[in-house]
Amino acid sequence: MSLVVLFDCTPDVNPLLQDAGQTHSYLPLTHAHRQVAELSVLNQCRRAHGAGYQHGDRQGCLKGTRESVLNEIEDWTEDFGVSPVFWLNGLAGTGKSTVAQTIAERVFANGRLGASFFCSRAFEDRSDLGLIFPTLAFQLAQKYPGFRSLLIPLLQSNPDIFRESLHSQMQEFLLKPLLSANISTVIVIDALDECFFFFFFLNSTLSCDAFRRT
């Protein structure tokens, strides 16, 4: 799993119902029901809307610009011998969000983007630290069936997971299912300091053993 953090200072079952007399329609219908049930549980996951890189009118880097840092980050996403967290820090207005947008677009294009969260003070849910991990987990569940099969039982067995500490949420929503499903992916978080008390997020992440590399 790779984590980029940047911050400023169900198939249609109608055909099956048309011929209920055919016994072979029973198994696909049962499978479809199971898919609907899973989606129903997944949709109950609290999350921020419009937080992904593809929402809004954010612009990436102009062609031919910022290539040095973009290449550095892309190389890092493919090097499993380095730290799994890439922190890009800098003063406001230095273009970190455009870099984050471009990286998200590039890794999505090659199939390696698992999830993204672009924080913003302009939206209450996108400035809520407590929604970052659930939102990322929701996106990961949409992309990876193996992740989804682990997240849904968690939501069913522990509906109060959203009220737990950030450290616990990171473990339960991200690390455990990613490791259990053996998923290697890239997660992009931008403008973290747009969230109130964002340093709690940093402390939760930096104190996690999974994000330490000797």
N, C-alpha and C. Protein backbone atom coordinates (compact mmCIF):
# COMPACT_ATOMS: atom_id res chain seq x y z
N MET A 1 0.85 -1.20 0.00
CA MET A 1 0.00 0.00 0.00
C MET A 1 0.87 1.23 0.00
N SER A 2 0.52 2.20 -0.80
CA SER A 2 1.22 3.47 -0.85
C SER A 2 0.26 4.58 -0.47
N LEU A 3 0.73 5.52 0.33
CA LEU A 3 -0.12 6.62 0.77
C LEU A 3 0.58 7.93 0.47
N VAL A 4 -0.04 8.75 -0.37
CA VAL A 4 0.48 10.07 -0.69
C VAL A 4 -0.33 11.08 0.12
N VAL A 5 0.33 11.82 1.00
CA VAL A 5 -0.36 12.82 1.80
C VAL A 5 0.21 14.19 1.50
N LEU A 6 -0.63 15.14 1.07
CA LEU A 6 -0.18 16.47 0.71
C LEU A 6 -1.01 17.47 1.48
N PHE A 7 -0.38 18.49 2.04
CA PHE A 7 -1.16 19.46 2.78
C PHE A 7 -0.54 20.83 2.71
N ASP A 8 -1.36 21.90 2.78
CA ASP A 8 -0.95 23.31 2.76
C ASP A 8 -0.80 23.73 4.20
N CYS A 9 0.82 24.49 4.66
CA CYS A 9 1.04 24.88 6.07
C CYS A 9 -0.24 24.70 6.61
N THR A 10 -24.66 -3.72 -9.57
CA THR A 10 -25.35 -5.04 -9.58
C THR A 10 -26.10 -5.36 -10.89
N PRO A 11 -25.77 -6.33 -11.47
CA PRO A 11 -26.42 -6.53 -12.78
C PRO A 11 -27.95 -6.42 -12.71
N ASP A 12 -28.59 -6.03 -13.82
CA ASP A 12 -30.05 -5.91 -13.88
C ASP A 12 -30.70 -7.29 -13.85
N VAL A 13 -31.60 -7.50 -12.90
CA VAL A 13 -32.22 -8.83 -12.77
C VAL A 13 -33.57 -8.91 -13.49
N ASN A 14 -33.99 -7.85 -14.18
CA ASN A 14 -35.28 -7.88 -14.86
C ASN A 14 -35.43 -9.05 -15.82
N PRO A 15 -34.43 -9.37 -16.66
CA PRO A 15 -34.58 -10.50 -17.58
C PRO A 15 -34.87 -11.79 -16.84
N LEU A 16 -34.36 -11.96 -15.63
CA LEU A 16 -34.60 -13.17 -14.87
C LEU A 16 -36.06 -13.26 -14.45
N LEU A 17 -36.67 -12.10 -14.17
CA LEU A 17 -38.04 -12.09 -13.69
C LEU A 17 -39.05 -12.31 -14.81
N GLN A 18 -38.63 -12.13 -16.05
CA GLN A 18 -39.53 -12.26 -17.18
C GLN A 18 -39.94 -13.71 -17.42
N ASP A 19 -39.11 -14.64 -16.97
CA ASP A 19 -39.42 -16.05 -17.20
C ASP A 19 -39.21 -16.80 -15.90
N ALA A 20 -40.10 -16.58 -14.93
CA ALA A 20 -39.94 -17.19 -13.62
C ALA A 20 -40.10 -18.69 -13.67
N GLY A 21 -40.62 -19.22 -14.79
CA GLY A 21 -40.82 -20.66 -14.89
C GLY A 21 -39.54 -21.43 -15.13
N GLN A 22 -38.48 -20.77 -15.48
CA GLN A 22 -37.22 -21.46 -15.75
C GLN A 22 -36.42 -21.56 -14.46
N THR A 23 -36.14 -22.78 -14.04
CA THR A 23 -35.47 -22.98 -12.75
C THR A 23 -34.06 -22.46 -12.76
N HIS A 24 -33.43 -22.34 -13.94
CA HIS A 24 -32.03 -21.88 -13.97
C HIS A 24 -31.91 -20.41 -13.57
N SER A 25 -33.03 -19.68 -13.50
CA SER A 25 -32.97 -18.28 -13.11
C SER A 25 -32.80 -18.11 -11.60
N TYR A 26 -32.98 -19.16 -10.81
CA TYR A 26 -32.96 -19.04 -9.36
C TYR A 26 -31.59 -18.66 -8.83
N LEU A 27 -30.54 -19.31 -9.29
CA LEU A 27 -29.21 -19.04 -8.75
C LEU A 27 -28.72 -17.64 -9.09
N PRO A 28 -28.84 -17.18 -10.35
CA PRO A 28 -28.45 -15.79 -10.62
C PRO A 28 -29.23 -14.79 -9.79
N LEU A 29 -30.52 -15.06 -9.56
CA LEU A 29 -31.33 -14.14 -8.78
C LEU A 29 -30.84 -14.09 -7.34
N THR A 30 -30.46 -15.27 -6.78
CA THR A 30 -29.93 -15.32 -5.43
C THR A 30 -28.64 -14.52 -5.34
N HIS A 31 -27.79 -14.69 -6.34
CA HIS A 31 -26.53 -13.94 -6.36
C HIS A 31 -26.80 -12.44 -6.46
N ALA A 32 -27.78 -12.08 -7.27
CA ALA A 32 -28.13 -10.67 -7.41
C ALA A 32 -28.64 -10.11 -6.09
N HIS A 33 -29.45 -10.90 -5.39
CA HIS A 33 -29.94 -10.46 -4.08
C HIS A 33 -28.79 -10.23 -3.12
N ARG A 34 -27.80 -11.10 -3.17
CA ARG A 34 -26.65 -10.95 -2.29
C ARG A 34 -25.88 -9.68 -2.62
N GLN A 35 -25.75 -9.39 -3.89
CA GLN A 35 -25.07 -8.17 -4.30
C GLN A 35 -25.83 -6.94 -3.82
N VAL A 36 -27.15 -6.97 -3.94
CA VAL A 36 -27.96 -5.84 -3.49
C VAL A 36 -27.82 -5.66 -1.99
N ALA A 37 -27.80 -6.78 -1.25
CA ALA A 37 -27.66 -6.71 0.21
C ALA A 37 -26.31 -6.11 0.59
N GLU A 38 -25.25 -6.52 -0.12
CA GLU A 38 -23.92 -5.99 0.17
C GLU A 38 -23.85 -4.50 -0.13
N LEU A 39 -24.44 -4.10 -1.25
CA LEU A 39 -24.44 -2.68 -1.60
C LEU A 39 -25.22 -1.86 -0.59
N SER A 40 -26.30 -2.44 -0.07
CA SER A 40 -27.09 -1.75 0.94
C SER A 40 -26.28 -1.49 2.19
N VAL A 41 -25.50 -2.49 2.62
CA VAL A 41 -24.64 -2.32 3.80
C VAL A 41 -23.55 -1.30 3.51
N LEU A 42 -22.94 -1.42 2.34
CA LEU A 42 -21.85 -0.52 1.98
C LEU A 42 -22.32 0.92 1.91
N ASN A 43 -23.51 1.13 1.39
CA ASN A 43 -24.03 2.50 1.25
C ASN A 43 -24.35 3.14 2.60
N GLN A 44 -24.41 2.34 3.66
CA GLN A 44 -24.62 2.88 4.99
C GLN A 44 -23.33 3.42 5.60
N CYS A 45 -22.24 3.19 4.94
CA CYS A 45 -20.93 3.67 5.42
C CYS A 45 -20.90 5.20 5.37
N ARG A 46 -20.68 5.82 6.51
CA ARG A 46 -20.60 7.28 6.55
C ARG A 46 -19.39 7.73 5.74
N ARG A 47 -19.57 8.75 4.93
CA ARG A 47 -18.47 9.18 4.08
C ARG A 47 -18.70 10.62 3.62
N ALA A 48 -17.63 11.23 3.15
CA ALA A 48 -17.72 12.57 2.57
C ALA A 48 -18.04 12.43 1.09
N HIS A 49 -18.95 13.24 0.62
CA HIS A 49 -19.33 13.18 -0.79
C HIS A 49 -18.50 14.19 -1.60
N GLY A 50 -18.11 13.77 -2.78
CA GLY A 50 -17.34 14.66 -3.65
C GLY A 50 -15.90 14.84 -3.24
N ALA A 51 -15.37 13.92 -2.42
CA ALA A 51 -14.00 14.07 -1.94
C ALA A 51 -12.96 13.47 -2.88
N GLY A 52 -13.39 12.65 -3.82
CA GLY A 52 -12.46 12.01 -4.74
C GLY A 52 -11.86 12.98 -5.75
N TYR A 53 -10.75 12.58 -6.34
CA TYR A 53 -10.02 13.47 -7.26
C TYR A 53 -10.85 13.84 -8.48
N GLN A 54 -11.79 12.99 -8.87
CA GLN A 54 -12.56 13.23 -10.11
C GLN A 54 -13.71 14.20 -9.92
N HIS A 55 -13.96 14.65 -8.70
CA HIS A 55 -15.06 15.58 -8.46
C HIS A 55 -14.56 17.03 -8.49
N GLY A 56 -15.46 17.93 -8.80
CA GLY A 56 -15.10 19.34 -8.81
C GLY A 56 -14.34 19.74 -10.06
N ASP A 57 -13.78 20.94 -10.03
CA ASP A 57 -13.08 21.47 -11.20
C ASP A 57 -11.60 21.68 -10.92
N ARG A 58 -11.03 20.82 -10.07
CA ARG A 58 -9.60 20.95 -9.78
C ARG A 58 -8.78 20.70 -11.03
N GLN A 59 -7.70 21.45 -11.16
CA GLN A 59 -6.81 21.34 -12.31
C GLN A 59 -5.49 20.70 -11.90
N GLY A 60 -4.96 19.88 -12.78
CA GLY A 60 -3.65 19.29 -12.55
C GLY A 60 -2.56 20.20 -13.06
N CYS A 61 -1.35 19.70 -13.04
CA CYS A 61 -0.20 20.47 -13.51
C CYS A 61 -0.28 20.67 -15.02
N LEU A 62 0.18 21.81 -15.48
CA LEU A 62 0.27 22.03 -16.92
C LEU A 62 1.27 21.06 -17.52
N LYS A 63 1.02 20.64 -18.73
CA LYS A 63 1.89 19.67 -19.38
C LYS A 63 3.33 20.18 -19.41
N GLY A 64 4.24 19.33 -18.99
CA GLY A 64 5.65 19.67 -19.00
C GLY A 64 6.14 20.38 -17.76
N THR A 65 5.24 20.65 -16.80
CA THR A 65 5.65 21.34 -15.57
C THR A 65 5.67 20.35 -14.40
N ARG A 66 6.45 20.68 -13.40
CA ARG A 66 6.56 19.90 -12.17
C ARG A 66 6.97 18.45 -12.42
N GLU A 67 7.63 18.20 -13.54
CA GLU A 67 7.96 16.82 -13.91
C GLU A 67 8.90 16.16 -12.90
N SER A 68 9.79 16.94 -12.31
CA SER A 68 10.75 16.36 -11.37
C SER A 68 10.05 15.75 -10.16
N VAL A 69 9.16 16.52 -9.53
CA VAL A 69 8.47 16.00 -8.35
C VAL A 69 7.46 14.93 -8.73
N LEU A 70 6.81 15.07 -9.88
CA LEU A 70 5.86 14.06 -10.32
C LEU A 70 6.54 12.73 -10.57
N ASN A 71 7.69 12.79 -11.22
CA ASN A 71 8.44 11.55 -11.49
C ASN A 71 8.95 10.93 -10.20
N GLU A 72 9.35 11.79 -9.26
CA GLU A 72 9.82 11.28 -7.97
C GLU A 72 8.72 10.53 -7.24
N ILE A 73 7.51 11.09 -7.24
CA ILE A 73 6.40 10.44 -6.56
C ILE A 73 5.99 9.16 -7.29
N GLU A 74 5.94 9.21 -8.61
CA GLU A 74 5.58 8.01 -9.36
C GLU A 74 6.60 6.89 -9.15
N ASP A 75 7.87 7.23 -9.13
CA ASP A 75 8.90 6.23 -8.85
C ASP A 75 8.71 5.64 -7.46
N TRP A 76 8.36 6.50 -6.50
CA TRP A 76 8.15 6.04 -5.14
C TRP A 76 6.99 5.04 -5.06
N THR A 77 5.91 5.28 -5.83
CA THR A 77 4.76 4.37 -5.77
C THR A 77 5.11 2.97 -6.26
N GLU A 78 6.19 2.85 -7.02
CA GLU A 78 6.57 1.55 -7.57
C GLU A 78 7.73 0.91 -6.80
N ASP A 79 8.25 1.59 -5.78
CA ASP A 79 9.38 1.09 -5.02
C ASP A 79 8.88 0.60 -3.66
N PHE A 80 8.80 -0.70 -3.49
CA PHE A 80 8.27 -1.26 -2.26
C PHE A 80 9.33 -1.36 -1.15
N GLY A 81 10.51 -0.87 -1.42
CA GLY A 81 11.56 -0.90 -0.41
C GLY A 81 11.69 0.39 0.37
N VAL A 82 10.84 1.37 0.06
CA VAL A 82 10.91 2.66 0.75
C VAL A 82 9.70 2.82 1.67
N SER A 83 9.67 3.94 2.40
CA SER A 83 8.55 4.20 3.30
C SER A 83 7.23 4.20 2.53
N PRO A 84 6.18 3.60 3.11
CA PRO A 84 4.89 3.57 2.41
C PRO A 84 4.14 4.90 2.45
N VAL A 85 4.71 5.91 3.09
CA VAL A 85 4.07 7.23 3.14
C VAL A 85 4.99 8.27 2.50
N PHE A 86 4.44 9.04 1.58
CA PHE A 86 5.19 10.12 0.93
C PHE A 86 4.55 11.43 1.37
N TRP A 87 5.25 12.20 2.19
CA TRP A 87 4.73 13.48 2.66
C TRP A 87 5.26 14.60 1.76
N LEU A 88 4.38 15.35 1.14
CA LEU A 88 4.77 16.50 0.34
C LEU A 88 4.33 17.75 1.08
N ASN A 89 5.28 18.50 1.59
CA ASN A 89 5.00 19.66 2.43
C ASN A 89 5.49 20.92 1.74
N GLY A 90 4.86 22.04 2.06
CA GLY A 90 5.30 23.30 1.48
C GLY A 90 4.35 24.42 1.84
N LEU A 91 4.74 25.64 1.53
CA LEU A 91 3.91 26.80 1.83
C LEU A 91 2.65 26.81 0.96
N ALA A 92 1.65 27.51 1.44
CA ALA A 92 0.41 27.64 0.67
C ALA A 92 0.69 28.29 -0.68
N GLY A 93 0.01 27.80 -1.70
CA GLY A 93 0.14 28.39 -3.03
C GLY A 93 1.32 27.91 -3.83
N THR A 94 2.01 26.87 -3.35
CA THR A 94 3.18 26.38 -4.10
C THR A 94 2.84 25.23 -5.05
N GLY A 95 1.56 24.91 -5.18
CA GLY A 95 1.15 23.95 -6.21
C GLY A 95 1.03 22.51 -5.75
N LYS A 96 0.91 22.29 -4.45
CA LYS A 96 0.83 20.90 -3.97
C LYS A 96 -0.47 20.22 -4.41
N SER A 97 -1.56 20.98 -4.43
CA SER A 97 -2.84 20.38 -4.83
C SER A 97 -2.86 20.02 -6.31
N THR A 98 -2.20 20.82 -7.14
CA THR A 98 -2.13 20.45 -8.56
C THR A 98 -1.27 19.21 -8.75
N VAL A 99 -0.22 19.08 -7.93
CA VAL A 99 0.60 17.87 -7.98
C VAL A 99 -0.24 16.67 -7.55
N ALA A 100 -1.01 16.81 -6.46
CA ALA A 100 -1.85 15.72 -5.97
C ALA A 100 -2.87 15.31 -7.02
N GLN A 101 -3.48 16.28 -7.68
CA GLN A 101 -4.46 15.99 -8.71
C GLN A 101 -3.82 15.23 -9.87
N THR A 102 -2.66 15.68 -10.28
CA THR A 102 -1.97 15.03 -11.41
C THR A 102 -1.55 13.61 -11.05
N ILE A 103 -1.03 13.42 -9.84
CA ILE A 103 -0.64 12.08 -9.41
C ILE A 103 -1.85 11.16 -9.38
N ALA A 104 -2.96 11.65 -8.83
CA ALA A 104 -4.18 10.84 -8.78
C ALA A 104 -4.63 10.45 -10.19
N GLU A 105 -4.57 11.39 -11.11
CA GLU A 105 -4.97 11.10 -12.48
C GLU A 105 -4.05 10.06 -13.12
N ARG A 106 -2.76 10.20 -12.88
CA ARG A 106 -1.80 9.29 -13.50
C ARG A 106 -1.92 7.87 -12.94
N VAL A 107 -2.00 7.74 -11.62
CA VAL A 107 -2.07 6.39 -11.05
C VAL A 107 -3.43 5.76 -11.31
N PHE A 108 -4.47 6.59 -11.46
CA PHE A 108 -5.77 6.05 -11.87
C PHE A 108 -5.68 5.49 -13.28
N ALA A 109 -5.00 6.20 -14.14
CA ALA A 109 -4.89 5.79 -15.54
C ALA A 109 -4.19 4.44 -15.67
N ASN A 110 -3.24 4.15 -14.78
CA ASN A 110 -2.56 2.86 -14.88
C ASN A 110 -3.12 1.83 -13.90
N GLY A 111 -4.28 2.15 -13.32
CA GLY A 111 -5.00 1.17 -12.52
C GLY A 111 -4.52 0.99 -11.09
N ARG A 112 -3.67 1.89 -10.60
CA ARG A 112 -3.11 1.69 -9.26
C ARG A 112 -3.73 2.58 -8.19
N LEU A 113 -4.64 3.48 -8.56
CA LEU A 113 -5.27 4.35 -7.57
C LEU A 113 -6.39 3.60 -6.86
N GLY A 114 -6.25 3.48 -5.54
CA GLY A 114 -7.29 2.82 -4.77
C GLY A 114 -8.33 3.78 -4.26
N ALA A 115 -7.89 4.96 -3.80
CA ALA A 115 -8.81 5.93 -3.22
C ALA A 115 -8.13 7.28 -3.13
N SER A 116 -8.94 8.33 -2.99
CA SER A 116 -8.40 9.68 -2.82
C SER A 116 -9.36 10.50 -1.98
N PHE A 117 -8.79 11.46 -1.27
CA PHE A 117 -9.59 12.36 -0.44
C PHE A 117 -8.97 13.74 -0.53
N PHE A 118 -9.71 14.69 -1.12
CA PHE A 118 -9.24 16.06 -1.25
C PHE A 118 -9.99 16.91 -0.23
N CYS A 119 -9.30 17.25 0.84
CA CYS A 119 -9.91 18.00 1.94
C CYS A 119 -10.22 19.43 1.50
N SER A 120 -11.24 20.03 2.13
CA SER A 120 -11.61 21.40 1.81
C SER A 120 -12.42 22.00 2.95
N ARG A 121 -12.01 23.18 3.41
CA ARG A 121 -12.77 23.88 4.45
C ARG A 121 -14.13 24.36 3.93
N ALA A 122 -14.28 24.42 2.63
CA ALA A 122 -15.52 24.92 2.04
C ALA A 122 -16.68 23.93 2.19
N PHE A 123 -16.36 22.68 2.55
CA PHE A 123 -17.38 21.64 2.69
C PHE A 123 -17.22 20.98 4.05
N GLU A 124 -18.31 20.94 4.81
CA GLU A 124 -18.24 20.43 6.18
C GLU A 124 -17.74 18.99 6.23
N ASP A 125 -18.25 18.13 5.34
CA ASP A 125 -17.85 16.73 5.41
C ASP A 125 -16.41 16.52 4.94
N ARG A 126 -15.93 17.38 4.05
CA ARG A 126 -14.56 17.22 3.54
C ARG A 126 -13.53 17.91 4.43
N SER A 127 -13.97 18.50 5.53
CA SER A 127 -13.04 19.05 6.52
C SER A 127 -13.17 18.30 7.84
N ASP A 128 -13.85 17.15 7.80
CA ASP A 128 -14.08 16.33 9.00
C ASP A 128 -13.09 15.17 9.02
N LEU A 129 -12.16 15.20 9.97
CA LEU A 129 -11.16 14.13 10.06
C LEU A 129 -11.82 12.76 10.22
N GLY A 130 -12.95 12.72 10.92
CA GLY A 130 -13.60 11.45 11.17
C GLY A 130 -14.20 10.80 9.95
N LEU A 131 -14.21 11.49 8.82
CA LEU A 131 -14.77 10.92 7.59
C LEU A 131 -13.70 10.48 6.60
N ILE A 132 -12.44 10.78 6.88
CA ILE A 132 -11.39 10.45 5.92
C ILE A 132 -11.26 8.94 5.73
N PHE A 133 -11.04 8.20 6.82
CA PHE A 133 -10.83 6.76 6.69
C PHE A 133 -12.07 6.02 6.19
N PRO A 134 -13.29 6.35 6.68
CA PRO A 134 -14.47 5.68 6.12
C PRO A 134 -14.65 5.96 4.62
N THR A 135 -14.36 7.19 4.20
CA THR A 135 -14.50 7.53 2.79
C THR A 135 -13.50 6.76 1.94
N LEU A 136 -12.26 6.69 2.39
CA LEU A 136 -11.25 5.93 1.66
C LEU A 136 -11.63 4.45 1.60
N ALA A 137 -12.14 3.92 2.71
CA ALA A 137 -12.55 2.51 2.75
C ALA A 137 -13.70 2.25 1.77
N PHE A 138 -14.64 3.18 1.70
CA PHE A 138 -15.77 3.03 0.77
C PHE A 138 -15.26 2.96 -0.67
N GLN A 139 -14.34 3.83 -1.02
CA GLN A 139 -13.79 3.83 -2.38
C GLN A 139 -13.01 2.55 -2.66
N LEU A 140 -12.23 2.11 -1.69
CA LEU A 140 -11.47 0.87 -1.86
C LEU A 140 -12.39 -0.33 -2.04
N ALA A 141 -13.50 -0.33 -1.31
CA ALA A 141 -14.47 -1.43 -1.43
C ALA A 141 -15.13 -1.45 -2.80
N GLN A 142 -15.29 -0.29 -3.39
CA GLN A 142 -15.86 -0.23 -4.73
C GLN A 142 -14.90 -0.79 -5.77
N LYS A 143 -13.62 -0.63 -5.53
CA LYS A 143 -12.62 -1.05 -6.52
C LYS A 143 -12.19 -2.51 -6.35
N TYR A 144 -12.05 -2.94 -5.10
CA TYR A 144 -11.48 -4.27 -4.83
C TYR A 144 -12.51 -5.18 -4.14
N PRO A 145 -12.98 -6.22 -4.83
CA PRO A 145 -13.94 -7.15 -4.21
C PRO A 145 -13.41 -7.79 -2.93
N GLY A 146 -12.10 -8.10 -2.90
CA GLY A 146 -11.52 -8.69 -1.71
C GLY A 146 -11.60 -7.76 -0.51
N PHE A 147 -11.40 -6.49 -0.75
CA PHE A 147 -11.51 -5.49 0.31
C PHE A 147 -12.97 -5.38 0.76
N ARG A 148 -13.87 -5.36 -0.21
CA ARG A 148 -15.30 -5.23 0.10
C ARG A 148 -15.78 -6.40 0.96
N SER A 149 -15.30 -7.61 0.68
CA SER A 149 -15.73 -8.78 1.44
C SER A 149 -15.29 -8.72 2.89
N LEU A 150 -14.29 -7.90 3.20
CA LEU A 150 -13.82 -7.73 4.57
C LEU A 150 -14.46 -6.52 5.24
N LEU A 151 -14.75 -5.48 4.47
CA LEU A 151 -15.33 -4.27 5.03
C LEU A 151 -16.78 -4.47 5.45
N ILE A 152 -17.55 -5.17 4.64
CA ILE A 152 -18.98 -5.33 4.92
C ILE A 152 -19.22 -6.03 6.26
N PRO A 153 -18.52 -7.14 6.57
CA PRO A 153 -18.71 -7.74 7.91
C PRO A 153 -18.32 -6.79 9.04
N LEU A 154 -17.32 -5.95 8.82
CA LEU A 154 -16.94 -4.97 9.83
C LEU A 154 -18.07 -3.99 10.10
N LEU A 155 -18.67 -3.48 9.04
CA LEU A 155 -19.77 -2.53 9.20
C LEU A 155 -20.98 -3.18 9.87
N GLN A 156 -21.18 -4.46 9.61
CA GLN A 156 -22.30 -5.16 10.21
C GLN A 156 -22.07 -5.47 11.68
N SER A 157 -20.84 -5.84 12.02
CA SER A 157 -20.54 -6.28 13.38
C SER A 157 -20.19 -5.13 14.32
N ASN A 158 -19.74 -4.01 13.74
CA ASN A 158 -19.31 -2.89 14.58
C ASN A 158 -19.83 -1.57 14.00
N PRO A 159 -21.13 -1.33 14.15
CA PRO A 159 -21.71 -0.10 13.58
C PRO A 159 -21.19 1.17 14.24
N ASP A 160 -20.55 1.05 15.40
CA ASP A 160 -20.03 2.22 16.10
C ASP A 160 -18.57 2.50 15.74
N ILE A 161 -18.04 1.82 14.74
CA ILE A 161 -16.65 2.02 14.35
C ILE A 161 -16.38 3.47 13.98
N PHE A 162 -17.39 4.19 13.51
CA PHE A 162 -17.22 5.58 13.09
C PHE A 162 -16.93 6.50 14.28
N ARG A 163 -17.26 6.05 15.48
CA ARG A 163 -17.04 6.85 16.68
C ARG A 163 -15.72 6.53 17.37
N GLU A 164 -14.99 5.58 16.84
CA GLU A 164 -13.72 5.20 17.47
C GLU A 164 -12.62 6.18 17.10
N SER A 165 -11.47 6.04 17.76
CA SER A 165 -10.35 6.96 17.52
C SER A 165 -9.85 6.86 16.09
N LEU A 166 -9.14 7.88 15.65
CA LEU A 166 -8.58 7.87 14.29
C LEU A 166 -7.63 6.70 14.12
N HIS A 167 -6.84 6.42 15.16
CA HIS A 167 -5.90 5.30 15.07
C HIS A 167 -6.65 3.99 14.86
N SER A 168 -7.73 3.80 15.61
CA SER A 168 -8.53 2.58 15.46
C SER A 168 -9.19 2.52 14.09
N GLN A 169 -9.71 3.64 13.62
CA GLN A 169 -10.33 3.68 12.29
C GLN A 169 -9.33 3.33 11.20
N MET A 170 -8.11 3.85 11.32
CA MET A 170 -7.10 3.55 10.31
C MET A 170 -6.79 2.05 10.28
N GLN A 171 -6.70 1.46 11.46
CA GLN A 171 -6.44 0.03 11.53
C GLN A 171 -7.58 -0.78 10.92
N GLU A 172 -8.81 -0.46 11.33
CA GLU A 172 -9.96 -1.28 10.94
C GLU A 172 -10.44 -1.01 9.52
N PHE A 173 -10.44 0.26 9.12
CA PHE A 173 -10.95 0.62 7.79
C PHE A 173 -9.92 0.40 6.68
N LEU A 174 -8.64 0.55 6.99
CA LEU A 174 -7.62 0.50 5.94
C LEU A 174 -6.63 -0.64 6.11
N LEU A 175 -5.83 -0.59 7.16
CA LEU A 175 -4.69 -1.48 7.25
C LEU A 175 -5.07 -2.96 7.30
N LYS A 176 -5.96 -3.32 8.20
CA LYS A 176 -6.30 -4.74 8.33
C LYS A 176 -6.88 -5.33 7.05
N PRO A 177 -7.88 -4.69 6.42
CA PRO A 177 -8.41 -5.29 5.18
C PRO A 177 -7.41 -5.26 4.02
N LEU A 178 -6.60 -4.22 3.92
CA LEU A 178 -5.61 -4.17 2.85
C LEU A 178 -4.58 -5.29 3.01
N LEU A 179 -4.11 -5.49 4.24
CA LEU A 179 -3.13 -6.53 4.49
C LEU A 179 -3.74 -7.92 4.35
N SER A 180 -4.95 -8.09 4.86
CA SER A 180 -5.60 -9.40 4.78
C SER A 180 -5.89 -9.80 3.34
N ALA A 181 -6.28 -8.83 2.53
CA ALA A 181 -6.59 -9.11 1.13
C ALA A 181 -5.35 -9.04 0.24
N ASN A 182 -4.21 -8.70 0.84
CA ASN A 182 -2.94 -8.60 0.10
C ASN A 182 -3.07 -7.64 -1.09
N ILE A 183 -3.59 -6.45 -0.80
CA ILE A 183 -3.81 -5.45 -1.84
C ILE A 183 -2.71 -4.40 -1.79
N SER A 184 -2.09 -4.15 -2.93
CA SER A 184 -1.12 -3.07 -3.07
C SER A 184 -1.77 -1.97 -3.89
N THR A 185 -1.85 -0.78 -3.32
CA THR A 185 -2.57 0.29 -4.00
C THR A 185 -1.99 1.64 -3.61
N VAL A 186 -2.47 2.69 -4.25
CA VAL A 186 -2.05 4.05 -3.94
C VAL A 186 -3.25 4.84 -3.43
N ILE A 187 -3.06 5.55 -2.32
CA ILE A 187 -4.09 6.40 -1.74
C ILE A 187 -3.56 7.83 -1.71
N VAL A 188 -4.33 8.77 -2.20
CA VAL A 188 -3.90 10.17 -2.24
C VAL A 188 -4.79 11.00 -1.31
N ILE A 189 -4.16 11.73 -0.40
CA ILE A 189 -4.88 12.67 0.47
C ILE A 189 -4.27 14.05 0.26
N ASP A 190 -5.10 15.02 -0.04
CA ASP A 190 -4.61 16.36 -0.34
C ASP A 190 -5.16 17.38 0.65
N ALA A 191 -4.36 18.41 0.93
CA ALA A 191 -4.77 19.57 1.73
C ALA A 191 -5.27 19.16 3.10
N LEU A 192 -4.50 18.30 3.76
CA LEU A 192 -4.93 17.78 5.05
C LEU A 192 -5.18 18.87 6.08
N ASP A 193 -4.43 19.96 6.00
CA ASP A 193 -4.64 21.00 7.01
C ASP A 193 -5.89 21.84 6.75
N GLU A 194 -6.67 21.48 5.73
CA GLU A 194 -8.00 22.06 5.57
C GLU A 194 -8.97 21.47 6.60
N CYS A 195 -8.55 20.37 7.24
CA CYS A 195 -9.36 19.77 8.30
C CYS A 195 -8.97 20.35 9.65
N PHE A 196 -9.95 20.56 10.51
CA PHE A 196 -9.68 21.05 11.84
C PHE A 196 -8.94 19.97 12.64
N PHE A 197 -7.94 20.41 13.41
CA PHE A 197 -7.15 19.51 14.25
C PHE A 197 -6.48 18.40 13.43
N PHE A 198 -5.99 18.78 12.24
CA PHE A 198 -5.41 17.77 11.35
C PHE A 198 -4.20 17.09 11.96
N PHE A 199 -3.57 17.71 12.96
CA PHE A 199 -2.39 17.09 13.56
C PHE A 199 -2.74 15.78 14.25
N PHE A 200 -4.03 15.59 14.62
CA PHE A 200 -4.44 14.30 15.18
C PHE A 200 -4.30 13.20 14.13
N PHE A 201 -4.59 13.55 12.89
CA PHE A 201 -4.44 12.59 11.80
C PHE A 201 -2.97 12.23 11.62
N LEU A 202 -2.11 13.24 11.67
CA LEU A 202 -0.68 12.99 11.52
C LEU A 202 -0.17 12.10 12.63
N ASN A 203 -0.58 12.39 13.86
CA ASN A 203 -0.13 11.57 14.99
C ASN A 203 -0.59 10.13 14.85
N SER A 204 -1.83 9.93 14.40
CA SER A 204 -2.36 8.58 14.23
C SER A 204 -1.59 7.82 13.17
N THR A 205 -1.24 8.51 12.08
CA THR A 205 -0.54 7.85 10.98
C THR A 205 0.92 7.58 11.33
N LEU A 206 1.59 8.58 11.86
CA LEU A 206 3.01 8.44 12.13
C LEU A 206 3.29 7.45 13.26
N SER A 207 2.32 7.24 14.15
CA SER A 207 2.53 6.32 15.26
C SER A 207 2.21 4.88 14.90
N CYS A 208 1.74 4.67 13.67
CA CYS A 208 1.35 3.32 13.25
C CYS A 208 2.56 2.52 12.79
N ASP A 209 2.72 1.33 13.33
CA ASP A 209 3.87 0.49 12.98
C ASP A 209 3.92 0.16 11.49
N ALA A 210 2.74 0.04 10.86
CA ALA A 210 2.70 -0.33 9.44
C ALA A 210 3.30 0.75 8.56
N PHE A 211 3.41 1.99 9.07
CA PHE A 211 3.95 3.09 8.29
C PHE A 211 5.39 3.41 8.68
N ARG A 212 6.01 2.53 9.43
CA ARG A 212 7.41 2.71 9.79
C ARG A 212 8.26 1.75 8.99
N ARG A 213 9.39 2.22 8.55
CA ARG A 213 10.28 1.37 7.76
C ARG A 213 11.71 1.65 8.21
N THR A 214 12.43 0.60 8.65
CA THR A 214 13.81 0.78 9.10
C THR A 214 14.79 0.50 7.97
